[in-house]
Each structure stands twice: as C-alpha cells, then as structure tokens.
Protein backbone atom coordinates (compact mmCIF):
# COMPACT_ATOMS: atom_id res chain seq x y z
CA MET A 1 0.00 0.00 0.00
CA LYS A 2 1.44 3.33 -1.05
CA HIS A 3 2.18 5.71 1.80
CA ILE A 4 0.69 9.20 1.61
CA SER A 5 2.39 12.12 3.33
CA TYR A 6 -0.27 14.61 4.32
CA GLN A 7 0.39 18.25 3.44
CA ILE A 8 0.11 21.00 6.03
CA ASP A 9 -2.37 23.80 5.33
CA GLU A 10 0.21 26.16 3.82
CA ASP A 11 1.43 23.51 1.35
CA ILE A 12 -2.10 22.56 0.36
CA LYS A 13 -2.89 26.16 -0.46
CA LYS A 14 0.10 26.22 -2.82
CA LEU A 15 -1.01 23.18 -4.79
CA SER A 16 -2.20 23.72 -8.33
CA ASP A 17 -5.81 22.90 -9.15
CA LYS A 18 -4.71 19.80 -11.06
CA ASN A 19 -2.44 18.49 -8.27
CA LEU A 20 -5.03 19.24 -5.58
CA LEU A 21 -7.68 17.21 -7.40
CA ALA A 22 -5.22 14.39 -8.13
CA GLN A 23 -4.15 14.24 -4.50
CA ILE A 24 -7.70 14.17 -3.14
CA ASP A 25 -8.55 11.32 -5.54
CA LEU A 26 -5.57 9.40 -4.18
CA LEU A 27 -6.55 10.14 -0.58
CA ALA A 28 -10.10 8.94 -1.19
CA SER A 29 -8.83 5.75 -2.83
CA GLU A 30 -6.44 5.00 0.03
CA HIS A 31 -9.18 5.75 2.56
CA ARG A 32 -11.48 3.15 0.99
CA LYS A 33 -8.70 0.53 0.96
CA ASN A 34 -7.92 1.23 4.61
CA SER A 35 -11.62 1.04 5.40
CA VAL A 36 -11.82 -2.49 3.94
CA LEU A 37 -8.68 -3.48 5.87
CA LEU A 38 -10.22 -2.11 9.07
CA LEU A 39 -13.38 -4.17 8.50
CA ARG A 40 -11.31 -7.33 8.12
CA HIS A 41 -9.49 -6.65 11.40
CA LEU A 42 -12.70 -5.84 13.26
CA ARG A 43 -14.28 -9.10 12.16
CA GLU A 44 -11.24 -11.15 13.20
CA VAL A 45 -11.18 -9.52 16.64
CA GLU A 46 -14.89 -10.30 16.97
CA VAL A 47 -14.52 -13.92 15.82
CA ARG A 48 -11.74 -14.54 18.34
CA ARG A 49 -13.69 -12.64 21.03
CA LEU A 50 -10.50 -10.73 21.89
CA PHE A 51 -12.49 -7.80 23.26
CA VAL A 52 -13.33 -10.01 26.24
CA ASP A 53 -9.64 -10.26 27.22
CA LEU A 54 -9.51 -6.47 27.25
CA GLY A 55 -12.36 -6.23 29.72
CA PHE A 56 -15.23 -5.41 27.36
CA SER A 57 -18.48 -7.37 27.46
CA SER A 58 -19.26 -6.76 23.78
CA MET A 59 -17.60 -5.85 20.51
CA HIS A 60 -19.78 -2.75 20.43
CA LYS A 61 -18.39 -1.46 23.74
CA TYR A 62 -14.83 -2.23 22.60
CA CYS A 63 -15.30 -0.15 19.46
CA VAL A 64 -16.90 2.79 21.25
CA GLN A 65 -14.73 2.90 24.38
CA LYS A 66 -11.36 1.59 23.12
CA LEU A 67 -11.31 2.54 19.44
CA LYS A 68 -13.33 5.75 20.04
CA PHE A 69 -15.82 5.13 17.23
CA SER A 70 -19.18 6.83 17.47
CA GLU A 71 -22.28 4.69 18.08
CA GLY A 72 -23.25 5.04 14.43
CA GLU A 73 -19.77 4.23 13.12
CA THR A 74 -19.64 1.15 15.32
CA GLN A 75 -22.97 -0.20 14.13
CA ARG A 76 -22.17 0.40 10.46
CA ARG A 77 -18.67 -1.04 10.59
CA LEU A 78 -19.54 -4.16 12.57
CA THR A 79 -22.53 -5.10 10.40
CA SER A 80 -20.50 -4.40 7.26
CA ALA A 81 -17.56 -6.46 8.52
CA ARG A 82 -19.84 -9.47 9.11
CA LEU A 83 -21.29 -9.28 5.61
CA LEU A 84 -17.88 -8.72 4.02
CA THR A 85 -16.63 -11.89 5.70
CA GLU A 86 -19.56 -13.85 4.29
CA LEU A 87 -19.33 -12.29 0.82
CA PRO A 88 -15.67 -11.44 0.06
CA GLU A 89 -16.70 -10.98 -3.59
CA ILE A 90 -18.06 -7.51 -2.78
CA GLU A 91 -14.75 -6.21 -1.45
CA ASN A 92 -13.82 -4.63 -4.78
CA LYS A 93 -17.09 -2.67 -4.75
CA LEU A 94 -16.12 -1.11 -1.43
CA GLU A 95 -12.62 -0.26 -2.62
CA SER A 96 -13.92 1.35 -5.80
CA GLY A 97 -16.58 3.33 -3.94
CA ALA A 98 -19.45 1.69 -5.84
CA LEU A 99 -20.71 0.47 -2.47
CA ASN A 100 -20.19 2.24 0.86
CA VAL A 101 -20.21 1.05 4.46
CA THR A 102 -23.50 2.81 5.24
CA ASN A 103 -25.39 1.01 2.49
CA LEU A 104 -23.65 -2.28 3.25
CA SER A 105 -24.77 -2.11 6.87
CA LYS A 106 -28.37 -1.52 5.75
CA ILE A 107 -28.16 -4.53 3.44
CA GLN A 108 -26.89 -6.66 6.33
CA SER A 109 -29.81 -5.50 8.52
CA PHE A 110 -32.21 -6.55 5.76
CA LEU A 111 -30.57 -9.98 5.38
CA ARG A 112 -30.61 -10.61 9.13
CA LEU A 113 -34.31 -9.80 9.43
CA GLU A 114 -35.17 -11.90 6.39
CA LYS A 115 -33.44 -14.86 8.00
CA ALA A 116 -35.33 -14.24 11.25
CA ALA A 117 -38.59 -14.22 9.27
CA SER A 118 -37.72 -17.62 7.75
CA HIS A 119 -36.94 -16.09 4.34
CA PRO A 120 -33.14 -16.42 4.13
CA LEU A 121 -31.44 -15.54 0.87
CA THR A 122 -28.93 -17.82 -0.81
CA LYS A 123 -25.43 -16.54 -1.49
CA GLU A 124 -26.28 -16.13 -5.17
CA GLN A 125 -29.41 -14.11 -4.30
CA LYS A 126 -27.43 -11.88 -1.96
CA LEU A 127 -24.78 -11.15 -4.58
CA GLU A 128 -27.43 -10.46 -7.22
CA MET A 129 -29.28 -8.06 -4.92
CA ILE A 130 -26.09 -6.23 -3.94
CA SER A 131 -25.21 -5.89 -7.61
CA GLU A 132 -28.60 -4.24 -8.23
CA LEU A 133 -28.02 -1.85 -5.30
CA THR A 134 -24.54 -0.82 -6.44
CA ASP A 135 -23.99 2.89 -7.16
CA LYS A 136 -27.30 3.86 -5.55
CA SER A 137 -27.88 6.51 -2.91
CA THR A 138 -28.67 5.53 0.67
CA ARG A 139 -32.26 6.65 0.26
CA GLU A 140 -32.65 4.52 -2.87
CA VAL A 141 -31.13 1.51 -1.10
CA GLU A 142 -33.47 1.92 1.87
CA LYS A 143 -36.52 2.18 -0.39
CA GLU A 144 -35.53 -0.91 -2.35
CA LEU A 145 -34.84 -2.98 0.77
CA VAL A 146 -38.11 -2.01 2.47
CA GLY A 147 -39.96 -2.98 -0.70
CA ARG A 148 -38.35 -6.44 -0.62
CA SER A 149 -38.66 -6.98 3.14
CA HIS A 150 -41.02 -9.40 4.89
CA GLN A 151 -40.61 -7.28 8.04
CA PRO A 152 -40.64 -3.69 6.71
CA ALA A 153 -41.61 -2.06 10.02
CA LEU A 154 -38.70 -3.64 11.88
CA LEU A 155 -36.33 -2.86 9.04
CA THR A 156 -37.18 0.83 9.00
CA GLU A 157 -36.65 0.93 12.76
CA ASN A 158 -33.13 -0.37 12.18
CA PHE A 159 -32.53 2.37 9.62
CA HIS A 160 -32.99 4.98 12.40
CA GLY A 161 -33.18 7.97 10.09
CA PRO A 162 -35.81 10.67 10.75
CA GLN A 163 -37.48 9.93 7.38
CA ALA A 164 -37.26 6.13 7.64
CA SER A 165 -40.92 5.70 8.58
CA SER A 166 -41.96 7.50 5.39
CA LEU A 167 -40.77 4.44 3.45
CA LEU A 168 -43.72 2.47 4.85
CA GLY A 169 -47.22 2.41 3.42
CA GLU A 170 -50.40 3.70 5.05
CA GLU A 171 -51.17 0.27 6.53
CA PHE A 172 -48.42 0.80 9.12
CA GLN A 173 -48.92 2.81 12.29
CA LYS A 174 -46.08 4.58 14.02
CA PHE A 175 -45.86 3.88 17.75
CA GLU A 176 -43.76 5.99 20.09
CA VAL A 177 -43.38 5.96 23.85
CA ASN A 178 -41.29 7.84 26.39
CA LEU A 179 -39.83 5.66 29.14
CA SER A 180 -38.68 6.79 32.56
CA LYS A 181 -35.25 5.67 33.75
CA GLU A 182 -36.89 2.96 35.83
CA HIS A 183 -38.78 1.62 32.83
CA GLN A 184 -35.70 1.85 30.62
CA GLU A 185 -33.89 -0.39 33.09
CA LEU A 186 -36.86 -2.77 33.05
CA LEU A 187 -36.73 -2.92 29.25
CA ALA A 188 -32.98 -3.59 29.33
CA GLU A 189 -33.48 -6.38 31.88
CA PHE A 190 -36.18 -7.92 29.68
CA ARG A 191 -33.86 -7.87 26.64
CA ASN A 192 -31.11 -9.56 28.65
CA LEU A 193 -33.33 -12.29 30.06
CA TYR A 194 -35.07 -13.03 26.74
CA ALA A 195 -32.04 -12.53 24.48
CA HIS A 196 -32.14 -16.17 23.36
CA GLU A 197 -35.82 -15.99 22.37
CA LEU A 198 -36.03 -12.59 20.70
CA LYS A 199 -35.45 -12.66 16.96
CA ASP A 200 -34.37 -9.04 17.06
CA SER A 201 -33.60 -6.67 19.93
CA SER A 202 -35.30 -3.67 18.34
CA ASN A 203 -38.16 -1.96 20.17
CA GLY A 204 -40.62 -3.20 17.56
CA SER A 205 -39.55 -6.82 18.02
CA VAL A 206 -39.80 -6.54 21.79
CA LEU A 207 -43.31 -5.06 21.57
CA VAL A 208 -44.57 -7.71 19.14
CA PHE A 209 -43.03 -10.48 21.26
CA LEU A 210 -44.74 -9.19 24.39
CA LEU A 211 -48.10 -8.72 22.67
CA GLU A 212 -48.06 -12.23 21.20
CA LYS A 213 -47.15 -13.80 24.54
CA ALA A 214 -49.73 -11.78 26.49
CA VAL A 215 -52.58 -12.46 24.03
CA GLN A 216 -51.73 -16.17 23.87
CA TYR A 217 -51.63 -16.42 27.66
CA LYS A 218 -54.98 -14.65 28.09
CA LYS A 219 -56.71 -16.67 25.36
CA LYS A 220 -55.45 -19.89 26.89
CA LYS A 221 -56.70 -18.82 30.30
CA LEU A 222 -60.14 -17.96 28.87
CA GLY A 223 -60.32 -21.16 26.83
CA LEU A 224 -60.33 -19.28 23.53
CA LEU A 225 -57.41 -21.09 21.91
CA GLU A 226 -58.49 -23.52 19.22
CA THR A 227 -57.10 -27.02 19.63
CA THR A 228 -56.98 -29.57 16.86
CA PRO A 229 -57.98 -33.06 18.07
CA LYS A 230 -55.61 -35.82 17.20
CA ASP A 231 -56.84 -38.06 14.38
CA LYS A 232 -55.91 -41.53 15.50
CA THR A 233 -57.15 -43.15 12.27
CA ASN A 234 -54.57 -41.32 10.17
CA ALA A 235 -51.79 -41.54 12.71
CA ALA A 236 -48.61 -43.08 11.41
CA PRO A 237 -47.86 -46.52 12.87
CA PRO A 238 -45.06 -46.60 15.44
CA PRO A 239 -41.73 -47.93 14.16
CA SER A 240 -41.24 -51.61 14.85
CA ALA A 241 -37.76 -51.26 16.27
CA PRO A 242 -36.96 -47.69 17.36
CA LYS A 243 -33.32 -46.87 17.62
CA VAL A 244 -32.03 -45.89 20.99
CA VAL A 245 -30.17 -42.61 20.67
CA ALA A 246 -28.04 -41.44 23.55
CA GLN A 247 -29.14 -37.97 24.57
CA ARG A 248 -27.46 -35.49 26.81
CA LYS A 249 -29.28 -35.12 30.10
CA TYR A 250 -30.84 -31.79 30.97
CA ILE A 251 -29.38 -29.90 33.89
CA LYS A 252 -31.69 -30.16 36.89
CA VAL A 253 -33.91 -27.15 37.52
CA SER A 254 -32.76 -27.04 41.14
CA ILE A 255 -29.12 -26.73 40.02
CA LYS A 256 -30.00 -24.00 37.50
CA LYS A 257 -31.78 -22.00 40.19
CA ALA A 258 -28.86 -22.43 42.58
CA ILE A 259 -26.39 -21.12 39.98
CA TRP A 260 -28.54 -18.10 39.07
CA GLN A 261 -28.94 -17.25 42.75
CA ARG A 262 -25.24 -17.71 43.45
CA ALA A 263 -24.33 -15.52 40.46
CA GLU A 264 -26.93 -12.89 41.37
CA ALA A 265 -28.11 -13.09 37.73
CA CYS A 266 -24.77 -11.68 36.50
CA CYS A 267 -21.82 -13.06 34.55
CA GLU A 268 -19.46 -14.84 36.98
CA TYR A 269 -16.29 -14.37 34.93
CA GLN A 270 -13.48 -12.91 37.03
CA ASP A 271 -10.32 -11.48 35.50
CA PRO A 272 -7.38 -13.54 36.85
CA GLN A 273 -5.15 -10.47 37.17
CA SER A 274 -7.39 -7.67 38.37
CA GLN A 275 -9.90 -10.02 40.06
CA LYS A 276 -12.59 -7.79 38.60
CA ARG A 277 -15.83 -9.61 37.89
CA CYS A 278 -17.69 -9.04 34.63
CA ARG A 279 -21.22 -8.81 36.10
CA SER A 280 -22.80 -8.34 32.65
CA LYS A 281 -26.44 -9.40 32.41
CA GLN A 282 -26.51 -9.72 28.63
CA ALA A 283 -27.62 -13.11 27.21
CA LEU A 284 -26.50 -15.18 30.20
CA GLU A 285 -25.69 -18.84 29.56
CA LEU A 286 -24.78 -21.83 31.72
CA ASP A 287 -21.21 -22.91 31.06
CA HIS A 288 -19.34 -26.09 32.01
CA ILE A 289 -16.00 -25.17 33.59
CA ASN A 290 -14.68 -28.56 32.49
CA PRO A 291 -16.49 -29.01 29.14
CA VAL A 292 -18.77 -31.99 28.63
CA ALA A 293 -16.74 -32.91 25.53
CA LEU A 294 -13.70 -33.28 27.79
CA GLY A 295 -15.47 -35.33 30.46
CA GLY A 296 -17.12 -32.57 32.49
CA ASN A 297 -20.31 -33.26 34.44
CA ASP A 298 -23.42 -31.28 35.38
CA ASP A 299 -22.53 -30.90 39.05
CA LEU A 300 -23.03 -27.51 40.66
CA GLY A 301 -19.27 -27.05 41.16
CA ASN A 302 -18.60 -27.56 37.43
CA LEU A 303 -21.12 -24.98 36.26
CA GLN A 304 -20.97 -21.20 36.04
CA LEU A 305 -23.10 -18.42 34.61
CA LEU A 306 -21.41 -16.45 31.84
CA CYS A 307 -22.52 -13.74 29.46
CA ARG A 308 -22.57 -14.73 25.80
CA ALA A 309 -19.28 -12.95 25.12
CA HIS A 310 -17.29 -14.70 27.87
CA ASN A 311 -18.89 -18.05 27.09
CA SER A 312 -17.92 -17.72 23.42
CA ARG A 313 -14.38 -16.63 24.31
CA ARG A 314 -13.96 -19.68 26.56
CA ALA A 315 -15.08 -21.92 23.69
CA VAL A 316 -12.60 -20.28 21.31
CA LYS A 317 -9.74 -20.72 23.79
CA THR A 318 -10.66 -24.35 24.49
CA PHE A 319 -11.57 -25.65 21.04
CA GLY A 320 -10.18 -23.03 18.62
CA VAL A 321 -11.95 -20.64 16.25
CA SER A 322 -12.50 -23.20 13.46
CA ASN A 323 -14.34 -25.57 15.82
CA VAL A 324 -16.60 -22.90 17.29
CA HIS A 325 -17.68 -20.77 14.30
C-alpha cells in the first residue's frame, strides 16, 4: 500500500488545481482501501472474542470505548464487517466506492431480518441483490430494501433515520413511547433475560413479542385457543424397532436456580489479574468449567453463569476458532 504524506495547510494552499484534485482522488482511494482493511481486522477480533480479554463485554463497547468510534460508526462497521466476511466478492465494490459502508450495513440488517422471518437468501441471491443496489444513494437503497422486506416495520426501525418511517405504506402505524429511567432499566433487563428468544432486539420486536405472549396467555386462560384433536385413524404406525439414541441429560432445575442465585443473575467471569468480575447481564448462559466434551459433568461445582461474550471466548480458547464458528 502506497504511503501518503499529508500536506500541512500552507502547502495545500500552494497546490495547483490539477495536483489538488489528483491528491484528493488518491486520498479517497487509500481511505477506501484502509476502510476495507479495518473491516477485516474488526471481524477477526470479533470472531476470536478478543475484546473479552480487554475487559469489554461486547464488541460494540470495545469499538466505542477503546477505538473511540461513534455509536453510528460502530454499528455500520460491525454489520459491514460481518457481511464482508460472508461475501468477500463484494470487497472490490467497497474499494472502488461503488458500495459504501453505510449502504452495506443496511443490506446486512435486511438480510438478518429476512433470515429471522424464515426467508433467508442464498449466497447467489445476496450477490445479485447487492449488484442491483450498487452505485445507488442511501435513500434509494433503503426504499428498495423495504420494498423487498417481509418485516418492513422492523427494518425501518433499524434504519434509524428521521425519514425512515416515510418508506412504509399507510397500513403501518407509528408507535412511540417515552420511558422513565426505571422503565428503561426494566426494558434492558427484559432484553437480557429473553435474548435467546427474541429474533431481534429492536423496540418493535420486543413489543410484538410481548403482545403475542400476552394475548396467547390470556386466550389460553379464557379457553379461547383452538385445539386440533388428534386423528388416530390417520396416525402413522409406530416404528417396529426404534433406535435408541443417547441424549445429553438436561441440567436439573434445582441446580440452574442455585447457579442463578449464586451468580446474582450476573456473569461470573473474574479477570485472573485484576480479580474484577464481569457482572454483565446480557444473554446469560450456563457454562461447564470442564467441558462436557472433555469429560465434564453437570454438578453444581462444574457450572458457572457467563454472558454470551465470555462463554464464546472460553469456547474459542478451548476448542479453537474453526471448531466454534
């Protein structure tokens, strides 16, 4: 990569029109190449979960607090890095400027929501769509993606822009609410506890999830849920000789409760040097200190509660990146 020596203000003012334009073209080109290189590095740090070793509970916090990216920069770069890893064929579009990080992050949001809605795109479909969105403005990309989406309301919420809701048709209703600090904390706690069940952590997803659960619960209580009786006449005959498949035993409920109480519903990871405990409440998971694959058991002393980040980092350290991802 060619090194560029930046001119001080006085030297820039002395440049001819031709040289000034040539130099800014070179700077823009080098910036795009460095941007792609940065995305590659970000993704590798995320895959290895190295941010955990630096004391950060998420890649997002590492980018904001350590690398000093803004919230928006972090979101755009991380989502773009994930898609670039999956589709290295689009790298040249980023380097040429035909596709930018902002639009790439919006495409990744669309693909993630389509997968959550059980409409995943194949690699060929993704590349074809990206090709059609090349050299388009952000507004044009947003409009095209919303038109293709099976979850347009959630997608526009991810776009965040002040005019995002205008991309939706009249059949959608905008819903806004102001939460007190106490209720914000309650919402955060809900997201942490239900992280494994929520398809998306956006406000819209949380609201729909809660409404569906509440309506289902009330209908069941009132006897309003329709039940389909089993048709024994058309039931398939049981297999004559069912195979016995060894299944991993579930951890006892009493042990799970004991661990959650012991951990105070927080990540139990403790830094060996500083002795500082993580205490994150994000997507908590039960972890075997001595992995089951290496002979570990489900005893209380062999189990700990870890956040998703520390649990993933432990897996990477124990089994390697290729065996985890």
